[in-house]
Amino acid sequence: MTKRELANSLSKRVKCSKACAATCLNTILDEITKSLAKGKSVALTGFGTFQVAKRKARVGRNPRTGAKMKIPAKKVAKFKVGKKLKKAVK
């Protein structure tokens, strides 16, 4: 499902315009992004939790040349599935 399809489905269920649904969806995604950028987690009960995780610096290999290269430490977004979503997917 694409973002556009999700907004269309939202507009049908809430009975609002597609533009309104797209704006709501974009606002939700922006708020999740802002929270993660600040290092905070976002918990959606039953659905899951978005978190920021730290990856350590490590040594990797260039797949073309096989030469060793240093991969710097960084922060990444992670998603932990909630119980209801996990049960629905089973």
C-alpha atoms as a PDB file:
ATOM      1  CA  MET A   1       0.000   0.000   0.000  1.00  0.00           C
ATOM      2  CA  THR A   2       1.361   3.402  -0.943  1.00  0.00           C
ATOM      3  CA  LYS A   3       0.995   6.666   0.938  1.00  0.00           C
ATOM      4  CA  ARG A   4      -1.615   7.829  -1.600  1.00  0.00           C
ATOM      5  CA  GLU A   5      -3.634   4.625  -1.211  1.00  0.00           C
ATOM      6  CA  LEU A   6      -3.499   4.968   2.564  1.00  0.00           C
ATOM      7  CA  ALA A   7      -4.767   8.562   2.357  1.00  0.00           C
ATOM      8  CA  ASN A   8      -7.603   7.492   0.021  1.00  0.00           C
ATOM      9  CA  SER A   9      -8.625   4.716   2.409  1.00  0.00           C
ATOM     10  CA  LEU A  10      -8.500   7.168   5.317  1.00  0.00           C
ATOM     11  CA  SER A  11     -10.709   9.660   3.452  1.00  0.00           C
ATOM     12  CA  LYS A  12     -13.351   6.968   2.814  1.00  0.00           C
ATOM     13  CA  ARG A  13     -13.412   5.750   6.424  1.00  0.00           C
ATOM     14  CA  VAL A  14     -13.499   9.216   7.990  1.00  0.00           C
ATOM     15  CA  LYS A  15     -15.730  10.628   5.232  1.00  0.00           C
ATOM     16  CA  CYS A  16     -13.594  13.660   4.466  1.00  0.00           C
ATOM     17  CA  SER A  17     -11.889  14.909   1.324  1.00  0.00           C
ATOM     18  CA  LYS A  18      -8.792  13.217  -0.046  1.00  0.00           C
ATOM     19  CA  ALA A  19      -6.836  16.450   0.484  1.00  0.00           C
ATOM     20  CA  CYS A  20      -7.858  16.574   4.150  1.00  0.00           C
ATOM     21  CA  ALA A  21      -6.901  12.921   4.667  1.00  0.00           C
ATOM     22  CA  ALA A  22      -3.534  13.462   2.944  1.00  0.00           C
ATOM     23  CA  THR A  23      -2.867  16.492   5.162  1.00  0.00           C
ATOM     24  CA  CYS A  24      -3.704  14.478   8.297  1.00  0.00           C
ATOM     25  CA  LEU A  25      -1.468  11.607   7.220  1.00  0.00           C
ATOM     26  CA  ASN A  26       1.427  13.959   6.404  1.00  0.00           C
ATOM     27  CA  THR A  27       1.006  15.702   9.774  1.00  0.00           C
ATOM     28  CA  ILE A  28       1.161  12.392  11.645  1.00  0.00           C
ATOM     29  CA  LEU A  29       4.284  11.321   9.757  1.00  0.00           C
ATOM     30  CA  ASP A  30       5.910  14.736  10.353  1.00  0.00           C
ATOM     31  CA  GLU A  31       5.253  14.511  14.093  1.00  0.00           C
ATOM     32  CA  ILE A  32       6.741  11.003  14.256  1.00  0.00           C
ATOM     33  CA  THR A  33       9.789  12.267  12.338  1.00  0.00           C
ATOM     34  CA  LYS A  34      10.217  15.290  14.645  1.00  0.00           C
ATOM     35  CA  SER A  35      10.033  13.122  17.758  1.00  0.00           C
ATOM     36  CA  LEU A  36      12.607  10.676  16.410  1.00  0.00           C
ATOM     37  CA  ALA A  37      14.887  13.558  15.386  1.00  0.00           C
ATOM     38  CA  LYS A  38      14.798  14.749  19.011  1.00  0.00           C
ATOM     39  CA  GLY A  39      15.717  11.225  20.178  1.00  0.00           C
ATOM     40  CA  LYS A  40      12.277  10.449  21.616  1.00  0.00           C
ATOM     41  CA  SER A  41      10.357   7.252  20.929  1.00  0.00           C
ATOM     42  CA  VAL A  42       6.785   7.161  19.601  1.00  0.00           C
ATOM     43  CA  ALA A  43       4.510   4.429  20.986  1.00  0.00           C
ATOM     44  CA  LEU A  44       1.264   3.584  19.200  1.00  0.00           C
ATOM     45  CA  THR A  45      -0.443   1.123  21.540  1.00  0.00           C
ATOM     46  CA  GLY A  46      -1.222  -2.159  19.817  1.00  0.00           C
ATOM     47  CA  PHE A  47       0.552  -1.118  16.612  1.00  0.00           C
ATOM     48  CA  GLY A  48       4.157  -0.660  17.662  1.00  0.00           C
ATOM     49  CA  THR A  49       6.929   1.665  18.784  1.00  0.00           C
ATOM     50  CA  PHE A  50       9.282   3.793  16.715  1.00  0.00           C
ATOM     51  CA  GLN A  51      12.674   4.255  18.415  1.00  0.00           C
ATOM     52  CA  VAL A  52      16.086   5.733  17.742  1.00  0.00           C
ATOM     53  CA  ALA A  53      18.974   3.267  18.065  1.00  0.00           C
ATOM     54  CA  LYS A  54      22.719   3.911  18.002  1.00  0.00           C
ATOM     55  CA  ARG A  55      24.969   1.837  15.771  1.00  0.00           C
ATOM     56  CA  LYS A  56      28.614   1.546  16.705  1.00  0.00           C
ATOM     57  CA  ALA A  57      31.430   2.335  14.318  1.00  0.00           C
ATOM     58  CA  ARG A  58      32.728  -0.753  12.541  1.00  0.00           C
ATOM     59  CA  VAL A  59      35.019  -1.986   9.825  1.00  0.00           C
ATOM     60  CA  GLY A  60      33.405  -3.120   6.579  1.00  0.00           C
ATOM     61  CA  ARG A  61      34.562  -4.184   3.135  1.00  0.00           C
ATOM     62  CA  ASN A  62      34.079  -2.521  -0.217  1.00  0.00           C
ATOM     63  CA  PRO A  63      32.188  -5.143  -2.260  1.00  0.00           C
ATOM     64  CA  ARG A  64      33.961  -4.210  -5.508  1.00  0.00           C
ATOM     65  CA  THR A  65      37.561  -4.049  -4.339  1.00  0.00           C
ATOM     66  CA  GLY A  66      37.441  -6.022  -1.099  1.00  0.00           C
ATOM     67  CA  ALA A  67      39.357  -3.198   0.604  1.00  0.00           C
ATOM     68  CA  LYS A  68      38.626  -2.559   4.283  1.00  0.00           C
ATOM     69  CA  MET A  69      36.828   0.679   5.092  1.00  0.00           C
ATOM     70  CA  LYS A  70      35.709   2.349   8.274  1.00  0.00           C
ATOM     71  CA  ILE A  71      31.938   2.761   8.708  1.00  0.00           C
ATOM     72  CA  PRO A  72      31.202   5.580  11.180  1.00  0.00           C
ATOM     73  CA  ALA A  73      28.790   5.363  14.118  1.00  0.00           C
ATOM     74  CA  LYS A  74      25.286   6.652  13.430  1.00  0.00           C
ATOM     75  CA  LYS A  75      21.721   6.782  14.699  1.00  0.00           C
ATOM     76  CA  VAL A  76      18.991   4.817  12.923  1.00  0.00           C
ATOM     77  CA  ALA A  77      15.206   4.572  13.247  1.00  0.00           C
ATOM     78  CA  LYS A  78      13.839   1.218  14.398  1.00  0.00           C
ATOM     79  CA  PHE A  79      10.317  -0.140  14.677  1.00  0.00           C
ATOM     80  CA  LYS A  80       9.210  -2.693  17.258  1.00  0.00           C
ATOM     81  CA  VAL A  81       5.930  -4.435  16.400  1.00  0.00           C
ATOM     82  CA  GLY A  82       3.056  -4.289  18.911  1.00  0.00           C
ATOM     83  CA  LYS A  83       1.049  -7.290  20.101  1.00  0.00           C
ATOM     84  CA  LYS A  84      -2.131  -6.566  18.095  1.00  0.00           C
ATOM     85  CA  LEU A  85      -0.231  -6.055  14.843  1.00  0.00           C
ATOM     86  CA  LYS A  86       1.860  -9.175  15.429  1.00  0.00           C
ATOM     87  CA  LYS A  87      -1.285 -11.194  16.085  1.00  0.00           C
ATOM     88  CA  ALA A  88      -3.062  -9.788  12.997  1.00  0.00           C
ATOM     89  CA  VAL A  89      -0.157 -10.704  10.711  1.00  0.00           C
ATOM     90  CA  LYS A  90       0.053 -14.303  11.978  1.00  0.00           C
END
